[in-house]
PDB file of N, CA and C in Angstrom:
ATOM      1  N   MET A   1     -97.147 137.924 277.928  1.00  0.00           N
ATOM      2  CA  MET A   1     -96.284 138.373 276.849  1.00  0.00           C
ATOM      3  C   MET A   1     -96.653 137.666 275.545  1.00  0.00           C
ATOM      4  N   ARG A   2     -97.011 136.413 275.653  1.00  0.00           N
ATOM      5  CA  ARG A   2     -97.373 135.684 274.433  1.00  0.00           C
ATOM      6  C   ARG A   2     -98.598 136.301 273.758  1.00  0.00           C
ATOM      7  N   GLN A   3     -99.518 136.819 274.584  1.00  0.00           N
ATOM      8  CA  GLN A   3    -100.715 137.433 274.015  1.00  0.00           C
ATOM      9  C   GLN A   3    -100.361 138.679 273.215  1.00  0.00           C
ATOM     10  N   VAL A   4     -99.375 139.438 273.679  1.00  0.00           N
ATOM     11  CA  VAL A   4     -98.953 140.640 272.967  1.00  0.00           C
ATOM     12  C   VAL A   4     -98.380 140.257 271.604  1.00  0.00           C
ATOM     13  N   TYR A   5     -97.524 139.220 271.592  1.00  0.00           N
ATOM     14  CA  TYR A   5     -96.954 138.777 270.319  1.00  0.00           C
ATOM     15  C   TYR A   5     -98.028 138.226 269.392  1.00  0.00           C
ATOM     16  N   ALA A   6     -98.983 137.482 269.942  1.00  0.00           N
ATOM     17  CA  ALA A   6    -100.058 136.939 269.125  1.00  0.00           C
ATOM     18  C   ALA A   6    -100.896 138.066 268.522  1.00  0.00           C
ATOM     19  N   LEU A   7    -101.185 139.070 269.334  1.00  0.00           N
ATOM     20  CA  LEU A   7    -101.946 140.218 268.840  1.00  0.00           C
ATOM     21  C   LEU A   7    -101.167 140.952 267.743  1.00  0.00           C
ATOM     22  N   ALA A   8     -99.878 141.170 267.984  1.00  0.00           N
ATOM     23  CA  ALA A   8     -99.045 141.856 266.990  1.00  0.00           C
ATOM     24  C   ALA A   8     -99.000 141.061 265.684  1.00  0.00           C
ATOM     25  N   ALA A   9     -98.857 139.743 265.784  1.00  0.00           N
ATOM     26  CA  ALA A   9     -98.811 138.906 264.584  1.00  0.00           C
ATOM     27  C   ALA A   9    -100.135 138.976 263.827  1.00  0.00           C
ATOM     28  N   ALA A  10    -101.250 138.947 264.560  1.00  0.00           N
ATOM     29  CA  ALA A  10    -102.563 139.024 263.919  1.00  0.00           C
ATOM     30  C   ALA A  10    -102.755 140.373 263.235  1.00  0.00           C
ATOM     31  N   LEU A  11    -102.322 141.444 263.881  1.00  0.00           N
ATOM     32  CA  LEU A  11    -102.450 142.775 263.284  1.00  0.00           C
ATOM     33  C   LEU A  11    -101.561 142.915 262.056  1.00  0.00           C
ATOM     34  N   CYS A  12    -100.365 142.357 262.112  1.00  0.00           N
ATOM     35  CA  CYS A  12     -99.489 142.390 260.938  1.00  0.00           C
ATOM     36  C   CYS A  12    -100.142 141.654 259.779  1.00  0.00           C
ATOM     37  N   GLU A  13    -100.697 140.485 260.071  1.00  0.00           N
ATOM     38  CA  GLU A  13    -101.349 139.700 259.023  1.00  0.00           C
ATOM     39  C   GLU A  13    -102.523 140.468 258.425  1.00  0.00           C
ATOM     40  N   ARG A  14    -103.328 141.081 259.276  1.00  0.00           N
ATOM     41  CA  ARG A  14    -104.495 141.838 258.815  1.00  0.00           C
ATOM     42  C   ARG A  14    -104.063 143.017 257.936  1.00  0.00           C
ATOM     43  N   ALA A  15    -102.934 143.648 258.299  1.00  0.00           N
ATOM     44  CA  ALA A  15    -102.467 144.818 257.554  1.00  0.00           C
ATOM     45  C   ALA A  15    -101.625 144.435 256.340  1.00  0.00           C
ATOM     46  N   GLY A  16    -101.401 143.127 256.158  1.00  0.00           N
ATOM     47  CA  GLY A  16    -100.591 142.686 255.029  1.00  0.00           C
ATOM     48  C   GLY A  16     -99.108 142.959 255.234  1.00  0.00           C
ATOM     49  N   GLU A  17     -98.700 143.026 256.485  1.00  0.00           N
ATOM     50  CA  GLU A  17     -97.293 143.287 256.820  1.00  0.00           C
ATOM     51  C   GLU A  17     -96.615 141.990 257.257  1.00  0.00           C
ATOM     52  N   GLU A  18     -95.343 141.905 257.008  1.00  0.00           N
ATOM     53  CA  GLU A  18     -94.518 140.800 257.467  1.00  0.00           C
ATOM     54  C   GLU A  18     -94.224 141.007 258.951  1.00  0.00           C
ATOM     55  N   PHE A  19     -94.372 139.963 259.780  1.00  0.00           N
ATOM     56  CA  PHE A  19     -94.055 140.093 261.203  1.00  0.00           C
ATOM     57  C   PHE A  19     -92.551 140.295 261.335  1.00  0.00           C
ATOM     58  N   PRO A  20     -92.111 141.354 262.030  1.00  0.00           N
ATOM     59  CA  PRO A  20     -90.678 141.653 262.115  1.00  0.00           C
ATOM     60  C   PRO A  20     -89.914 140.570 262.883  1.00  0.00           C
ATOM     61  N   GLU A  21     -88.709 140.296 262.421  1.00  0.00           N
ATOM     62  CA  GLU A  21     -87.899 139.251 263.045  1.00  0.00           C
ATOM     63  C   GLU A  21     -86.930 139.793 264.086  1.00  0.00           C
ATOM     64  N   THR A  22     -86.679 141.095 264.065  1.00  0.00           N
ATOM     65  CA  THR A  22     -85.746 141.676 265.033  1.00  0.00           C
ATOM     66  C   THR A  22     -86.395 142.896 265.687  1.00  0.00           C
ATOM     67  N   ARG A  23     -85.800 143.323 266.798  1.00  0.00           N
ATOM     68  CA  ARG A  23     -86.300 144.532 267.468  1.00  0.00           C
ATOM     69  C   ARG A  23     -86.174 145.749 266.572  1.00  0.00           C
ATOM     70  N   ASP A  24     -85.057 145.837 265.867  1.00  0.00           N
ATOM     71  CA  ASP A  24     -84.861 146.980 264.967  1.00  0.00           C
ATOM     72  C   ASP A  24     -85.920 147.000 263.872  1.00  0.00           C
ATOM     73  N   ALA A  25     -86.193 145.827 263.312  1.00  0.00           N
ATOM     74  CA  ALA A  25     -87.217 145.752 262.267  1.00  0.00           C
ATOM     75  C   ALA A  25     -88.588 146.118 262.849  1.00  0.00           C
ATOM     76  N   ALA A  26     -88.854 145.682 264.079  1.00  0.00           N
ATOM     77  CA  ALA A  26     -90.126 146.013 264.726  1.00  0.00           C
ATOM     78  C   ALA A  26     -90.229 147.515 264.952  1.00  0.00           C
ATOM     79  N   SER A  27     -89.138 148.132 265.408  1.00  0.00           N
ATOM     80  CA  SER A  27     -89.139 149.576 265.644  1.00  0.00           C
ATOM     81  C   SER A  27     -89.398 150.341 264.350  1.00  0.00           C
ATOM     82  N   GLU A  28     -88.751 149.911 263.273  1.00  0.00           N
ATOM     83  CA  GLU A  28     -88.958 150.575 261.983  1.00  0.00           C
ATOM     84  C   GLU A  28     -90.399 150.426 261.510  1.00  0.00           C
ATOM     85  N   LEU A  29     -90.961 149.226 261.672  1.00  0.00           N
ATOM     86  CA  LEU A  29     -92.345 148.993 261.263  1.00  0.00           C
ATOM     87  C   LEU A  29     -93.302 149.846 262.091  1.00  0.00           C
ATOM     88  N   ILE A  30     -93.101 149.871 263.395  1.00  0.00           N
ATOM     89  CA  ILE A  30     -93.960 150.682 264.270  1.00  0.00           C
ATOM     90  C   ILE A  30     -93.876 152.150 263.878  1.00  0.00           C
ATOM     91  N   GLU A  31     -92.667 152.638 263.665  1.00  0.00           N
ATOM     92  CA  GLU A  31     -92.483 154.042 263.291  1.00  0.00           C
ATOM     93  C   GLU A  31     -93.187 154.365 261.976  1.00  0.00           C
ATOM     94  N   ARG A  32     -93.020 153.489 260.987  1.00  0.00           N
ATOM     95  CA  ARG A  32     -93.652 153.718 259.683  1.00  0.00           C
ATOM     96  C   ARG A  32     -95.174 153.709 259.806  1.00  0.00           C
ATOM     97  N   LEU A  33     -95.710 152.751 260.548  1.00  0.00           N
ATOM     98  CA  LEU A  33     -97.161 152.668 260.703  1.00  0.00           C
ATOM     99  C   LEU A  33     -97.711 153.859 261.485  1.00  0.00           C
ATOM    100  N   ARG A  34     -96.967 154.315 262.489  1.00  0.00           N
ATOM    101  CA  ARG A  34     -97.397 155.493 263.256  1.00  0.00           C
ATOM    102  C   ARG A  34     -97.490 156.709 262.347  1.00  0.00           C
ATOM    103  N   ILE A  35     -96.480 156.891 261.507  1.00  0.00           N
ATOM    104  CA  ILE A  35     -96.465 158.042 260.595  1.00  0.00           C
ATOM    105  C   ILE A  35     -97.603 157.927 259.579  1.00  0.00           C
ATOM    106  N   GLU A  36     -97.781 156.725 259.009  1.00  0.00           N
ATOM    107  CA  GLU A  36     -98.852 156.518 258.037  1.00  0.00           C
ATOM    108  C   GLU A  36    -100.228 156.789 258.641  1.00  0.00           C
ATOM    109  N   ASN A  37    -100.383 156.463 259.921  1.00  0.00           N
ATOM    110  CA  ASN A  37    -101.672 156.661 260.598  1.00  0.00           C
ATOM    111  C   ASN A  37    -101.832 158.066 261.165  1.00  0.00           C
ATOM    112  N   GLY A  38    -100.809 158.903 261.021  1.00  0.00           N
ATOM    113  CA  GLY A  38    -100.889 160.271 261.507  1.00  0.00           C
ATOM    114  C   GLY A  38    -100.847 160.398 263.011  1.00  0.00           C
ATOM    115  N   HIS A  39    -100.146 159.479 263.656  1.00  0.00           N
ATOM    116  CA  HIS A  39    -100.046 159.514 265.116  1.00  0.00           C
ATOM    117  C   HIS A  39     -99.351 160.798 265.552  1.00  0.00           C
ATOM    118  N   PRO A  40     -99.933 161.522 266.524  1.00  0.00           N
ATOM    119  CA  PRO A  40     -99.397 162.832 266.899  1.00  0.00           C
ATOM    120  C   PRO A  40     -98.165 162.802 267.808  1.00  0.00           C
ATOM    121  N   ALA A  41     -97.867 161.660 268.421  1.00  0.00           N
ATOM    122  CA  ALA A  41     -96.746 161.608 269.375  1.00  0.00           C
ATOM    123  C   ALA A  41     -95.410 161.756 268.652  1.00  0.00           C
ATOM    124  N   PRO A  42     -94.428 162.338 269.320  1.00  0.00           N
ATOM    125  CA  PRO A  42     -93.106 162.476 268.703  1.00  0.00           C
ATOM    126  C   PRO A  42     -92.424 161.116 268.554  1.00  0.00           C
ATOM    127  N   ARG A  43     -91.458 161.062 267.669  1.00  0.00           N
ATOM    128  CA  ARG A  43     -90.691 159.831 267.494  1.00  0.00           C
ATOM    129  C   ARG A  43     -89.849 159.585 268.729  1.00  0.00           C
ATOM    130  N   LEU A  44     -89.490 158.329 268.967  1.00  0.00           N
ATOM    131  CA  LEU A  44     -88.712 157.988 270.160  1.00  0.00           C
ATOM    132  C   LEU A  44     -87.394 158.749 270.212  1.00  0.00           C
ATOM    133  N   GLU A  45     -86.740 158.894 269.064  1.00  0.00           N
ATOM    134  CA  GLU A  45     -85.443 159.583 269.081  1.00  0.00           C
ATOM    135  C   GLU A  45     -85.588 161.074 269.371  1.00  0.00           C
ATOM    136  N   ASP A  46     -86.805 161.593 269.258  1.00  0.00           N
ATOM    137  CA  ASP A  46     -87.040 163.000 269.574  1.00  0.00           C
ATOM    138  C   ASP A  46     -87.359 163.216 271.049  1.00  0.00           C
ATOM    139  N   MET A  47     -87.552 162.143 271.777  1.00  0.00           N
ATOM    140  CA  MET A  47     -87.902 162.240 273.194  1.00  0.00           C
ATOM    141  C   MET A  47     -86.624 162.231 274.040  1.00  0.00           C
ATOM    142  N   PRO A  48     -86.613 162.956 275.157  1.00  0.00           N
ATOM    143  CA  PRO A  48     -85.440 162.908 276.034  1.00  0.00           C
ATOM    144  C   PRO A  48     -85.318 161.534 276.674  1.00  0.00           C
ATOM    145  N   PHE A  49     -84.087 161.098 276.877  1.00  0.00           N
ATOM    146  CA  PHE A  49     -83.831 159.801 277.494  1.00  0.00           C
ATOM    147  C   PHE A  49     -84.222 159.845 278.964  1.00  0.00           C
ATOM    148  N   ARG A  50     -84.946 158.819 279.398  1.00  0.00           N
ATOM    149  CA  ARG A  50     -85.314 158.728 280.810  1.00  0.00           C
ATOM    150  C   ARG A  50     -84.502 157.612 281.444  1.00  0.00           C
ATOM    151  N   SER A  51     -84.016 157.856 282.625  1.00  0.00           N
ATOM    152  CA  SER A  51     -83.221 156.840 283.307  1.00  0.00           C
ATOM    153  C   SER A  51     -84.104 155.670 283.707  1.00  0.00           C
ATOM    154  N   GLN A  52     -83.488 154.556 284.076  1.00  0.00           N
ATOM    155  CA  GLN A  52     -84.223 153.385 284.540  1.00  0.00           C
ATOM    156  C   GLN A  52     -85.153 153.754 285.685  1.00  0.00           C
ATOM    157  N   ARG A  53     -84.670 154.570 286.598  1.00  0.00           N
ATOM    158  CA  ARG A  53     -85.459 154.940 287.770  1.00  0.00           C
ATOM    159  C   ARG A  53     -86.731 155.675 287.354  1.00  0.00           C
ATOM    160  N   ALA A  54     -86.632 156.513 286.338  1.00  0.00           N
ATOM    161  CA  ALA A  54     -87.793 157.284 285.887  1.00  0.00           C
ATOM    162  C   ALA A  54     -88.836 156.378 285.241  1.00  0.00           C
ATOM    163  N   ARG A  55     -88.419 155.241 284.682  1.00  0.00           N
ATOM    164  CA  ARG A  55     -89.347 154.337 284.018  1.00  0.00           C
ATOM    165  C   ARG A  55     -90.061 153.408 284.986  1.00  0.00           C
ATOM    166  N   ARG A  56     -89.514 153.265 286.188  1.00  0.00           N
ATOM    167  CA  ARG A  56     -90.119 152.340 287.146  1.00  0.00           C
ATOM    168  C   ARG A  56     -91.544 152.725 287.455  1.00  0.00           C
ATOM    169  N   ARG A  57     -92.363 151.726 287.482  1.00  0.00           N
ATOM    170  CA  ARG A  57     -93.757 151.960 287.835  1.00  0.00           C
ATOM    171  C   ARG A  57     -94.027 151.247 289.135  1.00  0.00           C
ATOM    172  N   GLY A  58     -95.096 151.634 289.728  1.00  0.00           N
ATOM    173  CA  GLY A  58     -95.475 150.969 290.966  1.00  0.00           C
ATOM    174  C   GLY A  58     -95.434 151.942 292.115  1.00  0.00           C
ATOM    175  N   ARG A  59     -95.369 151.381 293.269  1.00  0.00           N
ATOM    176  CA  ARG A  59     -95.447 152.220 294.459  1.00  0.00           C
ATOM    177  C   ARG A  59     -94.109 152.860 294.775  1.00  0.00           C
ATOM    178  N   SER A  60     -94.178 154.044 295.357  1.00  0.00           N
ATOM    179  CA  SER A  60     -92.966 154.745 295.764  1.00  0.00           C
ATOM    180  C   SER A  60     -92.395 154.082 297.010  1.00  0.00           C
ATOM    181  N   THR A  61     -91.169 154.434 297.354  1.00  0.00           N
ATOM    182  CA  THR A  61     -90.528 153.879 298.539  1.00  0.00           C
ATOM    183  C   THR A  61     -91.358 154.160 299.780  1.00  0.00           C
ATOM    184  N   GLY A  62     -91.892 155.368 299.885  1.00  0.00           N
ATOM    185  CA  GLY A  62     -92.719 155.709 301.035  1.00  0.00           C
ATOM    186  C   GLY A  62     -93.959 154.845 301.123  1.00  0.00           C
ATOM    187  N   GLU A  63     -94.573 154.561 299.985  1.00  0.00           N
ATOM    188  CA  GLU A  63     -95.766 153.717 299.981  1.00  0.00           C
ATOM    189  C   GLU A  63     -95.414 152.286 300.361  1.00  0.00           C
ATOM    190  N   ARG A  64     -94.262 151.781 299.879  1.00  0.00           N
ATOM    191  CA  ARG A  64     -93.839 150.430 300.248  1.00  0.00           C
ATOM    192  C   ARG A  64     -93.557 150.363 301.741  1.00  0.00           C
ATOM    193  N   ASP A  65     -92.874 151.391 302.289  1.00  0.00           N
ATOM    194  CA  ASP A  65     -92.590 151.418 303.722  1.00  0.00           C
ATOM    195  C   ASP A  65     -93.876 151.475 304.525  1.00  0.00           C
ATOM    196  N   ALA A  66     -94.833 152.267 304.068  1.00  0.00           N
ATOM    197  CA  ALA A  66     -96.110 152.380 304.777  1.00  0.00           C
ATOM    198  C   ALA A  66     -96.823 151.028 304.765  1.00  0.00           C
ATOM    199  N   GLY A  67     -96.784 150.333 303.650  1.00  0.00           N
ATOM    200  CA  GLY A  67     -97.411 149.016 303.565  1.00  0.00           C
ATOM    201  C   GLY A  67     -96.743 148.016 304.487  1.00  0.00           C
ATOM    202  N   ARG A  68     -95.408 148.059 304.546  1.00  0.00           N
ATOM    203  CA  ARG A  68     -94.658 147.157 305.421  1.00  0.00           C
ATOM    204  C   ARG A  68     -94.989 147.428 306.880  1.00  0.00           C
ATOM    205  N   VAL A  69     -95.018 148.702 307.245  1.00  0.00           N
ATOM    206  CA  VAL A  69     -95.327 149.082 308.621  1.00  0.00           C
ATOM    207  C   VAL A  69     -96.764 148.663 308.982  1.00  0.00           C
ATOM    208  N   ALA A  70     -97.693 148.862 308.061  1.00  0.00           N
ATOM    209  CA  ALA A  70     -99.073 148.471 308.310  1.00  0.00           C
ATOM    210  C   ALA A  70     -99.180 146.959 308.496  1.00  0.00           C
ATOM    211  N   ALA A  71     -98.458 146.182 307.706  1.00  0.00           N
ATOM    212  CA  ALA A  71     -98.491 144.732 307.835  1.00  0.00           C
ATOM    213  C   ALA A  71     -97.912 144.296 309.176  1.00  0.00           C
ATOM    214  N   GLU A  72     -96.808 144.922 309.587  1.00  0.00           N
ATOM    215  CA  GLU A  72     -96.205 144.587 310.882  1.00  0.00           C
ATOM    216  C   GLU A  72     -97.170 144.919 312.021  1.00  0.00           C
ATOM    217  N   LEU A  73     -97.827 146.055 311.937  1.00  0.00           N
ATOM    218  CA  LEU A  73     -98.774 146.469 312.963  1.00  0.00           C
ATOM    219  C   LEU A  73     -99.951 145.482 313.029  1.00  0.00           C
ATOM    220  N   ALA A  74    -100.435 145.048 311.881  1.00  0.00           N
ATOM    221  CA  ALA A  74    -101.543 144.094 311.846  1.00  0.00           C
ATOM    222  C   ALA A  74    -101.132 142.776 312.482  1.00  0.00           C
ATOM    223  N   ARG A  75     -99.902 142.317 312.258  1.00  0.00           N
ATOM    224  CA  ARG A  75     -99.413 141.073 312.868  1.00  0.00           C
ATOM    225  C   ARG A  75     -99.346 141.219 314.384  1.00  0.00           C
ATOM    226  N   GLU A  76     -98.920 142.380 314.864  1.00  0.00           N
ATOM    227  CA  GLU A  76     -98.788 142.600 316.297  1.00  0.00           C
ATOM    228  C   GLU A  76    -100.138 142.624 316.994  1.00  0.00           C
ATOM    229  N   LEU A  77    -101.167 143.089 316.309  1.00  0.00           N
ATOM    230  CA  LEU A  77    -102.498 143.177 316.920  1.00  0.00           C
ATOM    231  C   LEU A  77    -103.112 141.813 316.886  1.00  0.00           C
TER     232      LEU A  77
END
């Protein structure tokens, strides 16, 4: 996480921007820079809200169960 902040601070400095002190200020800066750069993606407020479950990344429940079963089988052998 520190590397992300360090990168963001370096990019702000390079672009002559003040590093934002709050999340809201960061969101506004990101939005403004995206628009200035002609980024094609829609704004966050234009996107439908996704539940926490939809944002989860990683393996599905079935994949986790399969991994657990495989580990148990390997221990038994």
